[in-house]
PDB file of all heavy atoms in Angstrom:
ATOM      1  N   THR A   1       2.067  20.926 -11.368  1.00  0.00           N
ATOM      2  CA  THR A   1       1.512  22.238 -11.125  1.00  0.00           C
ATOM      3  C   THR A   1       0.032  22.269 -10.719  1.00  0.00           C
ATOM      4  O   THR A   1      -0.454  23.292 -10.217  1.00  0.00           O
ATOM      5  CB  THR A   1       1.762  23.243 -12.406  1.00  0.00           C
ATOM      6  OG1 THR A   1       1.033  22.609 -13.428  1.00  0.00           O
ATOM      7  CG2 THR A   1       3.193  23.257 -12.694  1.00  0.00           C
ATOM      8  N   GLY A   2      -0.683  21.116 -11.015  1.00  0.00           N
ATOM      9  CA  GLY A   2      -2.089  21.186 -10.834  1.00  0.00           C
ATOM     10  C   GLY A   2      -2.404  21.086  -9.365  1.00  0.00           C
ATOM     11  O   GLY A   2      -1.724  20.554  -8.502  1.00  0.00           O
ATOM     12  N   GLN A   3      -3.686  21.411  -8.997  1.00  0.00           N
ATOM     13  CA  GLN A   3      -4.203  21.510  -7.681  1.00  0.00           C
ATOM     14  C   GLN A   3      -4.400  19.844  -7.202  1.00  0.00           C
ATOM     15  O   GLN A   3      -5.110  19.146  -7.918  1.00  0.00           O
ATOM     16  CB  GLN A   3      -5.436  22.196  -7.439  1.00  0.00           C
ATOM     17  CG  GLN A   3      -5.174  23.689  -7.580  1.00  0.00           C
ATOM     18  CD  GLN A   3      -4.279  24.221  -6.492  1.00  0.00           C
ATOM     19  OE1 GLN A   3      -4.591  23.842  -5.344  1.00  0.00           O
ATOM     20  NE2 GLN A   3      -3.303  25.019  -6.761  1.00  0.00           N
ATOM     21  N   LYS A   4      -4.071  19.611  -5.982  1.00  0.00           N
ATOM     22  CA  LYS A   4      -4.251  18.322  -5.479  1.00  0.00           C
ATOM     23  C   LYS A   4      -5.036  18.172  -4.177  1.00  0.00           C
ATOM     24  O   LYS A   4      -5.595  17.129  -3.776  1.00  0.00           O
ATOM     25  CB  LYS A   4      -2.890  17.521  -5.178  1.00  0.00           C
ATOM     26  CG  LYS A   4      -2.016  17.578  -6.426  1.00  0.00           C
ATOM     27  CD  LYS A   4      -0.492  17.451  -6.010  1.00  0.00           C
ATOM     28  CE  LYS A   4       0.457  17.757  -7.208  1.00  0.00           C
ATOM     29  NZ  LYS A   4       0.470  19.098  -7.677  1.00  0.00           N
ATOM     30  N   HIS A   5      -5.159  19.337  -3.517  1.00  0.00           N
ATOM     31  CA  HIS A   5      -5.836  19.523  -2.194  1.00  0.00           C
ATOM     32  C   HIS A   5      -5.146  18.478  -1.269  1.00  0.00           C
ATOM     33  O   HIS A   5      -3.930  18.454  -1.138  1.00  0.00           O
ATOM     34  CB  HIS A   5      -7.375  19.299  -2.409  1.00  0.00           C
ATOM     35  CG  HIS A   5      -8.010  20.483  -3.075  1.00  0.00           C
ATOM     36  ND1 HIS A   5      -9.275  20.826  -2.830  1.00  0.00           N
ATOM     37  CD2 HIS A   5      -7.482  21.524  -3.740  1.00  0.00           C
ATOM     38  CE1 HIS A   5      -9.623  21.942  -3.394  1.00  0.00           C
ATOM     39  NE2 HIS A   5      -8.499  22.314  -4.053  1.00  0.00           N
ATOM     40  N   GLY A   6      -5.879  17.725  -0.596  1.00  0.00           N
ATOM     41  CA  GLY A   6      -5.308  16.840   0.371  1.00  0.00           C
ATOM     42  C   GLY A   6      -4.596  15.666  -0.143  1.00  0.00           C
ATOM     43  O   GLY A   6      -5.094  15.063  -1.145  1.00  0.00           O
ATOM     44  N   VAL A   7      -3.401  15.330   0.342  1.00  0.00           N
ATOM     45  CA  VAL A   7      -2.644  14.228  -0.115  1.00  0.00           C
ATOM     46  C   VAL A   7      -2.173  13.402   1.171  1.00  0.00           C
ATOM     47  O   VAL A   7      -1.733  14.070   2.134  1.00  0.00           O
ATOM     48  CB  VAL A   7      -1.342  14.714  -0.842  1.00  0.00           C
ATOM     49  CG1 VAL A   7      -0.574  13.455  -1.305  1.00  0.00           C
ATOM     50  CG2 VAL A   7      -1.709  15.540  -2.069  1.00  0.00           C
ATOM     51  N   HIS A   8      -2.266  12.160   1.134  1.00  0.00           N
ATOM     52  CA  HIS A   8      -1.902  11.238   2.316  1.00  0.00           C
ATOM     53  C   HIS A   8      -0.950  10.178   1.734  1.00  0.00           C
ATOM     54  O   HIS A   8      -1.192   9.632   0.646  1.00  0.00           O
ATOM     55  CB  HIS A   8      -3.021  10.605   2.881  1.00  0.00           C
ATOM     56  CG  HIS A   8      -2.633   9.894   4.250  1.00  0.00           C
ATOM     57  ND1 HIS A   8      -2.434  10.528   5.442  1.00  0.00           N
ATOM     58  CD2 HIS A   8      -2.347   8.559   4.461  1.00  0.00           C
ATOM     59  CE1 HIS A   8      -2.077   9.700   6.334  1.00  0.00           C
ATOM     60  NE2 HIS A   8      -1.973   8.439   5.682  1.00  0.00           N
ATOM     61  N   VAL A   9       0.190  10.002   2.498  1.00  0.00           N
ATOM     62  CA  VAL A   9       1.146   9.044   2.151  1.00  0.00           C
ATOM     63  C   VAL A   9       1.183   8.023   3.367  1.00  0.00           C
ATOM     64  O   VAL A   9       1.543   8.438   4.436  1.00  0.00           O
ATOM     65  CB  VAL A   9       2.578   9.535   1.795  1.00  0.00           C
ATOM     66  CG1 VAL A   9       3.615   8.413   1.610  1.00  0.00           C
ATOM     67  CG2 VAL A   9       2.457  10.556   0.687  1.00  0.00           C
ATOM     68  N   ALA A  10       0.847   6.736   3.066  1.00  0.00           N
ATOM     69  CA  ALA A  10       0.833   5.704   4.187  1.00  0.00           C
ATOM     70  C   ALA A  10       1.927   4.698   3.868  1.00  0.00           C
ATOM     71  O   ALA A  10       2.071   4.175   2.813  1.00  0.00           O
ATOM     72  CB  ALA A  10      -0.552   5.113   4.311  1.00  0.00           C
ATOM     73  N   PHE A  11       2.804   4.470   4.956  1.00  0.00           N
ATOM     74  CA  PHE A  11       3.878   3.484   4.851  1.00  0.00           C
ATOM     75  C   PHE A  11       3.339   2.195   5.564  1.00  0.00           C
ATOM     76  O   PHE A  11       2.882   2.288   6.694  1.00  0.00           O
ATOM     77  CB  PHE A  11       5.070   4.026   5.474  1.00  0.00           C
ATOM     78  CG  PHE A  11       5.645   5.145   4.885  1.00  0.00           C
ATOM     79  CD1 PHE A  11       5.354   6.507   5.115  1.00  0.00           C
ATOM     80  CD2 PHE A  11       6.635   5.091   3.860  1.00  0.00           C
ATOM     81  CE1 PHE A  11       5.764   7.627   4.492  1.00  0.00           C
ATOM     82  CE2 PHE A  11       7.187   6.228   3.155  1.00  0.00           C
ATOM     83  CZ  PHE A  11       6.753   7.385   3.513  1.00  0.00           C
ATOM     84  N   GLY A  12       3.465   1.049   4.865  1.00  0.00           N
ATOM     85  CA  GLY A  12       2.981  -0.219   5.443  1.00  0.00           C
ATOM     86  C   GLY A  12       4.064  -0.858   6.252  1.00  0.00           C
ATOM     87  O   GLY A  12       5.218  -0.220   6.596  1.00  0.00           O
ATOM     88  N   GLN A  13       3.831  -2.058   6.602  1.00  0.00           N
ATOM     89  CA  GLN A  13       4.766  -2.901   7.454  1.00  0.00           C
ATOM     90  C   GLN A  13       5.782  -3.438   6.558  1.00  0.00           C
ATOM     91  O   GLN A  13       5.438  -4.045   5.549  1.00  0.00           O
ATOM     92  CB  GLN A  13       4.020  -3.940   8.139  1.00  0.00           C
ATOM     93  CG  GLN A  13       2.921  -3.554   9.198  1.00  0.00           C
ATOM     94  CD  GLN A  13       3.679  -3.255  10.608  1.00  0.00           C
ATOM     95  OE1 GLN A  13       4.878  -3.486  10.712  1.00  0.00           O
ATOM     96  NE2 GLN A  13       2.852  -2.964  11.510  1.00  0.00           N
ATOM     97  N   PRO A  14       7.082  -3.413   6.970  1.00  0.00           N
ATOM     98  CA  PRO A  14       8.144  -4.074   6.124  1.00  0.00           C
ATOM     99  C   PRO A  14       7.874  -5.522   6.043  1.00  0.00           C
ATOM    100  O   PRO A  14       7.432  -6.150   7.001  1.00  0.00           O
ATOM    101  CB  PRO A  14       9.438  -3.764   6.894  1.00  0.00           C
ATOM    102  CG  PRO A  14       9.115  -2.464   7.764  1.00  0.00           C
ATOM    103  CD  PRO A  14       7.653  -2.691   8.069  1.00  0.00           C
ATOM    104  N   PHE A  15       8.318  -6.081   4.925  1.00  0.00           N
ATOM    105  CA  PHE A  15       8.074  -7.529   4.676  1.00  0.00           C
ATOM    106  C   PHE A  15       9.251  -8.368   5.330  1.00  0.00           C
ATOM    107  O   PHE A  15      10.322  -7.933   5.478  1.00  0.00           O
ATOM    108  CB  PHE A  15       8.206  -7.888   3.205  1.00  0.00           C
ATOM    109  CG  PHE A  15       6.912  -7.618   2.408  1.00  0.00           C
ATOM    110  CD1 PHE A  15       6.081  -6.657   2.784  1.00  0.00           C
ATOM    111  CD2 PHE A  15       6.641  -8.363   1.331  1.00  0.00           C
ATOM    112  CE1 PHE A  15       4.890  -6.393   2.052  1.00  0.00           C
ATOM    113  CE2 PHE A  15       5.405  -8.205   0.550  1.00  0.00           C
ATOM    114  CZ  PHE A  15       4.553  -7.214   0.981  1.00  0.00           C
ATOM    115  N   GLY A  16       8.851  -9.476   5.926  1.00  0.00           N
ATOM    116  CA  GLY A  16       9.793 -10.465   6.409  1.00  0.00           C
ATOM    117  C   GLY A  16       9.977 -11.556   5.498  1.00  0.00           C
ATOM    118  O   GLY A  16       9.783 -11.383   4.397  1.00  0.00           O
ATOM    119  N   ALA A  17      10.480 -12.700   6.083  1.00  0.00           N
ATOM    120  CA  ALA A  17      10.804 -13.828   5.261  1.00  0.00           C
ATOM    121  C   ALA A  17       9.754 -14.815   5.121  1.00  0.00           C
ATOM    122  O   ALA A  17       9.892 -15.821   4.421  1.00  0.00           O
ATOM    123  CB  ALA A  17      12.042 -14.570   5.944  1.00  0.00           C
ATOM    124  N   ASP A  18       8.488 -14.513   5.603  1.00  0.00           N
ATOM    125  CA  ASP A  18       7.385 -15.460   5.616  1.00  0.00           C
ATOM    126  C   ASP A  18       6.584 -15.316   4.347  1.00  0.00           C
ATOM    127  O   ASP A  18       5.399 -15.268   4.249  1.00  0.00           O
ATOM    128  CB  ASP A  18       6.504 -15.127   6.745  1.00  0.00           C
ATOM    129  CG  ASP A  18       5.957 -13.826   6.872  1.00  0.00           C
ATOM    130  OD1 ASP A  18       6.591 -12.927   6.279  1.00  0.00           O
ATOM    131  OD2 ASP A  18       4.881 -13.604   7.489  1.00  0.00           O
ATOM    132  N   VAL A  19       7.271 -15.283   3.210  1.00  0.00           N
ATOM    133  CA  VAL A  19       6.633 -15.354   1.851  1.00  0.00           C
ATOM    134  C   VAL A  19       7.300 -16.371   0.956  1.00  0.00           C
ATOM    135  O   VAL A  19       8.570 -16.568   1.087  1.00  0.00           O
ATOM    136  CB  VAL A  19       6.715 -13.915   1.140  1.00  0.00           C
ATOM    137  CG1 VAL A  19       5.711 -12.986   1.814  1.00  0.00           C
ATOM    138  CG2 VAL A  19       8.115 -13.419   1.026  1.00  0.00           C
ATOM    139  N   ALA A  20       6.521 -17.071   0.170  1.00  0.00           N
ATOM    140  CA  ALA A  20       7.078 -18.209  -0.485  1.00  0.00           C
ATOM    141  C   ALA A  20       7.093 -18.149  -1.980  1.00  0.00           C
ATOM    142  O   ALA A  20       7.626 -18.955  -2.680  1.00  0.00           O
ATOM    143  CB  ALA A  20       6.327 -19.502  -0.055  1.00  0.00           C
ATOM    144  N   SER A  21       6.460 -17.030  -2.532  1.00  0.00           N
ATOM    145  CA  SER A  21       6.280 -16.992  -3.945  1.00  0.00           C
ATOM    146  C   SER A  21       6.187 -15.535  -4.430  1.00  0.00           C
ATOM    147  O   SER A  21       5.806 -14.716  -3.617  1.00  0.00           O
ATOM    148  CB  SER A  21       5.201 -17.892  -4.398  1.00  0.00           C
ATOM    149  OG  SER A  21       3.879 -17.245  -4.080  1.00  0.00           O
ATOM    150  N   VAL A  22       6.382 -15.407  -5.725  1.00  0.00           N
ATOM    151  CA  VAL A  22       6.133 -14.115  -6.294  1.00  0.00           C
ATOM    152  C   VAL A  22       4.625 -13.616  -6.193  1.00  0.00           C
ATOM    153  O   VAL A  22       4.356 -12.434  -5.754  1.00  0.00           O
ATOM    154  CB  VAL A  22       6.503 -14.065  -7.853  1.00  0.00           C
ATOM    155  CG1 VAL A  22       5.899 -12.824  -8.564  1.00  0.00           C
ATOM    156  CG2 VAL A  22       8.014 -14.153  -7.965  1.00  0.00           C
ATOM    157  N   ASP A  23       3.751 -14.394  -6.370  1.00  0.00           N
ATOM    158  CA  ASP A  23       2.307 -14.158  -6.277  1.00  0.00           C
ATOM    159  C   ASP A  23       1.946 -13.822  -4.770  1.00  0.00           C
ATOM    160  O   ASP A  23       1.103 -12.929  -4.554  1.00  0.00           O
ATOM    161  CB  ASP A  23       1.505 -15.233  -6.759  1.00  0.00           C
ATOM    162  CG  ASP A  23       1.485 -15.487  -8.226  1.00  0.00           C
ATOM    163  OD1 ASP A  23       1.918 -14.499  -8.914  1.00  0.00           O
ATOM    164  OD2 ASP A  23       1.081 -16.621  -8.690  1.00  0.00           O
ATOM    165  N   GLU A  24       2.611 -14.376  -3.842  1.00  0.00           N
ATOM    166  CA  GLU A  24       2.258 -14.125  -2.524  1.00  0.00           C
ATOM    167  C   GLU A  24       2.725 -12.712  -2.124  1.00  0.00           C
ATOM    168  O   GLU A  24       2.082 -11.869  -1.364  1.00  0.00           O
ATOM    169  CB  GLU A  24       2.899 -15.054  -1.510  1.00  0.00           C
ATOM    170  CG  GLU A  24       2.433 -14.852  -0.035  1.00  0.00           C
ATOM    171  CD  GLU A  24       2.967 -15.896   0.941  1.00  0.00           C
ATOM    172  OE1 GLU A  24       3.614 -16.909   0.475  1.00  0.00           O
ATOM    173  OE2 GLU A  24       2.822 -15.729   2.090  1.00  0.00           O
ATOM    174  N   VAL A  25       3.942 -12.358  -2.571  1.00  0.00           N
ATOM    175  CA  VAL A  25       4.503 -11.006  -2.458  1.00  0.00           C
ATOM    176  C   VAL A  25       3.516  -9.924  -3.052  1.00  0.00           C
ATOM    177  O   VAL A  25       3.178  -8.904  -2.395  1.00  0.00           O
ATOM    178  CB  VAL A  25       5.928 -10.845  -2.970  1.00  0.00           C
ATOM    179  CG1 VAL A  25       6.322  -9.345  -2.811  1.00  0.00           C
ATOM    180  CG2 VAL A  25       6.796 -11.726  -2.186  1.00  0.00           C
ATOM    181  N   ALA A  26       3.116 -10.178  -4.273  1.00  0.00           N
ATOM    182  CA  ALA A  26       2.255  -9.263  -5.029  1.00  0.00           C
ATOM    183  C   ALA A  26       0.893  -9.200  -4.236  1.00  0.00           C
ATOM    184  O   ALA A  26       0.355  -7.995  -4.070  1.00  0.00           O
ATOM    185  CB  ALA A  26       1.995  -9.735  -6.456  1.00  0.00           C
ATOM    186  N   SER A  27       0.368 -10.272  -3.773  1.00  0.00           N
ATOM    187  CA  SER A  27      -0.960 -10.332  -3.109  1.00  0.00           C
ATOM    188  C   SER A  27      -0.759  -9.441  -1.760  1.00  0.00           C
ATOM    189  O   SER A  27      -1.691  -8.610  -1.413  1.00  0.00           O
ATOM    190  CB  SER A  27      -1.347 -11.669  -2.758  1.00  0.00           C
ATOM    191  OG  SER A  27      -2.527 -11.586  -1.940  1.00  0.00           O
ATOM    192  N   ARG A  28       0.248  -9.581  -1.043  1.00  0.00           N
ATOM    193  CA  ARG A  28       0.480  -8.773   0.202  1.00  0.00           C
ATOM    194  C   ARG A  28       0.637  -7.332  -0.031  1.00  0.00           C
ATOM    195  O   ARG A  28       0.151  -6.432   0.709  1.00  0.00           O
ATOM    196  CB  ARG A  28       1.662  -9.401   1.003  1.00  0.00           C
ATOM    197  CG  ARG A  28       1.407 -10.713   1.590  1.00  0.00           C
ATOM    198  CD  ARG A  28       2.378 -10.862   2.769  1.00  0.00           C
ATOM    199  NE  ARG A  28       2.281 -12.291   3.295  1.00  0.00           N
ATOM    200  CZ  ARG A  28       3.043 -12.740   4.252  1.00  0.00           C
ATOM    201  NH1 ARG A  28       3.881 -12.013   4.901  1.00  0.00           N
ATOM    202  NH2 ARG A  28       2.842 -13.905   4.715  1.00  0.00           N
ATOM    203  N   LEU A  29       1.348  -6.966  -1.150  1.00  0.00           N
ATOM    204  CA  LEU A  29       1.534  -5.657  -1.488  1.00  0.00           C
ATOM    205  C   LEU A  29       0.100  -5.079  -1.821  1.00  0.00           C
ATOM    206  O   LEU A  29      -0.254  -3.942  -1.294  1.00  0.00           O
ATOM    207  CB  LEU A  29       2.341  -5.510  -2.796  1.00  0.00           C
ATOM    208  CG  LEU A  29       3.880  -5.449  -2.466  1.00  0.00           C
ATOM    209  CD1 LEU A  29       4.561  -5.666  -3.822  1.00  0.00           C
ATOM    210  CD2 LEU A  29       4.339  -4.236  -1.824  1.00  0.00           C
ATOM    211  N   ASN A  30      -0.819  -5.795  -2.599  1.00  0.00           N
ATOM    212  CA  ASN A  30      -2.077  -5.294  -2.868  1.00  0.00           C
ATOM    213  C   ASN A  30      -2.854  -4.971  -1.607  1.00  0.00           C
ATOM    214  O   ASN A  30      -3.513  -4.013  -1.508  1.00  0.00           O
ATOM    215  CB  ASN A  30      -2.744  -6.351  -3.774  1.00  0.00           C
ATOM    216  CG  ASN A  30      -2.218  -6.443  -5.092  1.00  0.00           C
ATOM    217  OD1 ASN A  30      -1.510  -5.506  -5.505  1.00  0.00           O
ATOM    218  ND2 ASN A  30      -2.516  -7.491  -5.851  1.00  0.00           N
ATOM    219  N   GLN A  31      -2.854  -6.009  -0.703  1.00  0.00           N
ATOM    220  CA  GLN A  31      -3.645  -5.833   0.608  1.00  0.00           C
ATOM    221  C   GLN A  31      -3.190  -4.640   1.391  1.00  0.00           C
ATOM    222  O   GLN A  31      -3.980  -3.913   1.893  1.00  0.00           O
ATOM    223  CB  GLN A  31      -3.373  -7.161   1.428  1.00  0.00           C
ATOM    224  CG  GLN A  31      -4.086  -8.373   0.800  1.00  0.00           C
ATOM    225  CD  GLN A  31      -3.651  -9.602   1.454  1.00  0.00           C
ATOM    226  OE1 GLN A  31      -3.004  -9.634   2.455  1.00  0.00           O
ATOM    227  NE2 GLN A  31      -4.044 -10.741   0.881  1.00  0.00           N
ATOM    228  N   GLN A  32      -1.901  -4.428   1.612  1.00  0.00           N
ATOM    229  CA  GLN A  32      -1.370  -3.352   2.361  1.00  0.00           C
ATOM    230  C   GLN A  32      -1.615  -2.042   1.732  1.00  0.00           C
ATOM    231  O   GLN A  32      -1.936  -1.048   2.361  1.00  0.00           O
ATOM    232  CB  GLN A  32       0.148  -3.606   2.664  1.00  0.00           C
ATOM    233  CG  GLN A  32       0.471  -4.585   3.732  1.00  0.00           C
ATOM    234  CD  GLN A  32       1.740  -4.295   4.564  1.00  0.00           C
ATOM    235  OE1 GLN A  32       1.964  -3.120   4.893  1.00  0.00           O
ATOM    236  NE2 GLN A  32       2.497  -5.325   4.775  1.00  0.00           N
ATOM    237  N   ILE A  33      -1.442  -1.957   0.412  1.00  0.00           N
ATOM    238  CA  ILE A  33      -1.667  -0.727  -0.332  1.00  0.00           C
ATOM    239  C   ILE A  33      -3.050  -0.318  -0.248  1.00  0.00           C
ATOM    240  O   ILE A  33      -3.477   0.792  -0.027  1.00  0.00           O
ATOM    241  CB  ILE A  33      -1.126  -0.756  -1.705  1.00  0.00           C
ATOM    242  CG1 ILE A  33       0.392  -0.826  -1.762  1.00  0.00           C
ATOM    243  CG2 ILE A  33      -1.583   0.305  -2.579  1.00  0.00           C
ATOM    244  CD1 ILE A  33       1.018  -1.012  -3.091  1.00  0.00           C
ATOM    245  N   ALA A  34      -4.003  -1.319  -0.358  1.00  0.00           N
ATOM    246  CA  ALA A  34      -5.421  -1.008  -0.286  1.00  0.00           C
ATOM    247  C   ALA A  34      -5.871  -0.609   1.081  1.00  0.00           C
ATOM    248  O   ALA A  34      -6.628   0.333   1.223  1.00  0.00           O
ATOM    249  CB  ALA A  34      -6.203  -2.213  -0.738  1.00  0.00           C
ATOM    250  N   SER A  35      -5.323  -1.340   2.176  1.00  0.00           N
ATOM    251  CA  SER A  35      -5.692  -0.957   3.495  1.00  0.00           C
ATOM    252  C   SER A  35      -5.091   0.350   3.952  1.00  0.00           C
ATOM    253  O   SER A  35      -5.667   0.974   4.840  1.00  0.00           O
ATOM    254  CB  SER A  35      -5.292  -2.061   4.482  1.00  0.00           C
ATOM    255  OG  SER A  35      -3.888  -2.151   4.509  1.00  0.00           O
ATOM    256  N   GLY A  36      -3.955   0.753   3.341  1.00  0.00           N
ATOM    257  CA  GLY A  36      -3.424   2.028   3.761  1.00  0.00           C
ATOM    258  C   GLY A  36      -3.980   3.275   3.051  1.00  0.00           C
ATOM    259  O   GLY A  36      -3.641   4.359   3.412  1.00  0.00           O
ATOM    260  N   TYR A  37      -4.701   2.987   1.940  1.00  0.00           N
ATOM    261  CA  TYR A  37      -5.231   4.020   1.072  1.00  0.00           C
ATOM    262  C   TYR A  37      -6.258   4.887   1.919  1.00  0.00           C
ATOM    263  O   TYR A  37      -7.227   4.349   2.390  1.00  0.00           O
ATOM    264  CB  TYR A  37      -5.861   3.498  -0.183  1.00  0.00           C
ATOM    265  CG  TYR A  37      -6.136   4.521  -1.215  1.00  0.00           C
ATOM    266  CD1 TYR A  37      -5.221   4.740  -2.257  1.00  0.00           C
ATOM    267  CD2 TYR A  37      -7.265   5.283  -1.247  1.00  0.00           C
ATOM    268  CE1 TYR A  37      -5.444   5.632  -3.207  1.00  0.00           C
ATOM    269  CE2 TYR A  37      -7.569   6.192  -2.227  1.00  0.00           C
ATOM    270  CZ  TYR A  37      -6.566   6.393  -3.141  1.00  0.00           C
ATOM    271  OH  TYR A  37      -6.781   7.366  -4.189  1.00  0.00           O
ATOM    272  N   VAL A  38      -6.058   6.193   1.900  1.00  0.00           N
ATOM    273  CA  VAL A  38      -6.989   7.125   2.703  1.00  0.00           C
ATOM    274  C   VAL A  38      -7.977   7.747   1.592  1.00  0.00           C
ATOM    275  O   VAL A  38      -7.601   8.393   0.713  1.00  0.00           O
ATOM    276  CB  VAL A  38      -6.199   8.204   3.389  1.00  0.00           C
ATOM    277  CG1 VAL A  38      -7.099   9.309   3.781  1.00  0.00           C
ATOM    278  CG2 VAL A  38      -5.434   7.665   4.523  1.00  0.00           C
ATOM    279  N   LEU A  39      -9.263   7.438   1.905  1.00  0.00           N
ATOM    280  CA  LEU A  39     -10.338   8.042   1.030  1.00  0.00           C
ATOM    281  C   LEU A  39     -10.488   9.541   1.312  1.00  0.00           C
ATOM    282  O   LEU A  39     -10.343   9.981   2.488  1.00  0.00           O
ATOM    283  CB  LEU A  39     -11.600   7.304   1.230  1.00  0.00           C
ATOM    284  CG  LEU A  39     -11.653   5.884   0.853  1.00  0.00           C
ATOM    285  CD1 LEU A  39     -12.980   5.215   1.195  1.00  0.00           C
ATOM    286  CD2 LEU A  39     -11.410   5.697  -0.651  1.00  0.00           C
ATOM    287  N   HIS A  40     -10.805  10.250   0.273  1.00  0.00           N
ATOM    288  CA  HIS A  40     -11.157  11.755   0.426  1.00  0.00           C
ATOM    289  C   HIS A  40     -12.555  11.881   0.147  1.00  0.00           C
ATOM    290  O   HIS A  40     -13.262  11.000  -0.525  1.00  0.00           O
ATOM    291  CB  HIS A  40     -10.207  12.472  -0.521  1.00  0.00           C
ATOM    292  CG  HIS A  40      -8.776  12.449  -0.250  1.00  0.00           C
ATOM    293  ND1 HIS A  40      -8.138  13.108   0.734  1.00  0.00           N
ATOM    294  CD2 HIS A  40      -7.833  11.620  -0.770  1.00  0.00           C
ATOM    295  CE1 HIS A  40      -6.889  12.840   0.767  1.00  0.00           C
ATOM    296  NE2 HIS A  40      -6.606  11.953  -0.169  1.00  0.00           N
ATOM    297  N   PRO A  41     -13.154  13.034   0.468  1.00  0.00           N
ATOM    298  CA  PRO A  41     -14.572  13.344   0.155  1.00  0.00           C
ATOM    299  C   PRO A  41     -14.863  13.171  -1.446  1.00  0.00           C
ATOM    300  O   PRO A  41     -15.839  12.760  -1.806  1.00  0.00           O
ATOM    301  CB  PRO A  41     -14.742  14.735   0.606  1.00  0.00           C
ATOM    302  CG  PRO A  41     -13.871  14.917   1.779  1.00  0.00           C
ATOM    303  CD  PRO A  41     -12.596  14.074   1.425  1.00  0.00           C
TER     304      PRO A  41
END
């Protein structure tokens, strides 16, 4: 119910098979989520 003002939802690139470990998947998720995050005033 609270006010949110602007909201942005960014979808990243689907993962392929070029990952070799759990940590690599987590790292790529962090990178894409950070790069897709839209800053507000």
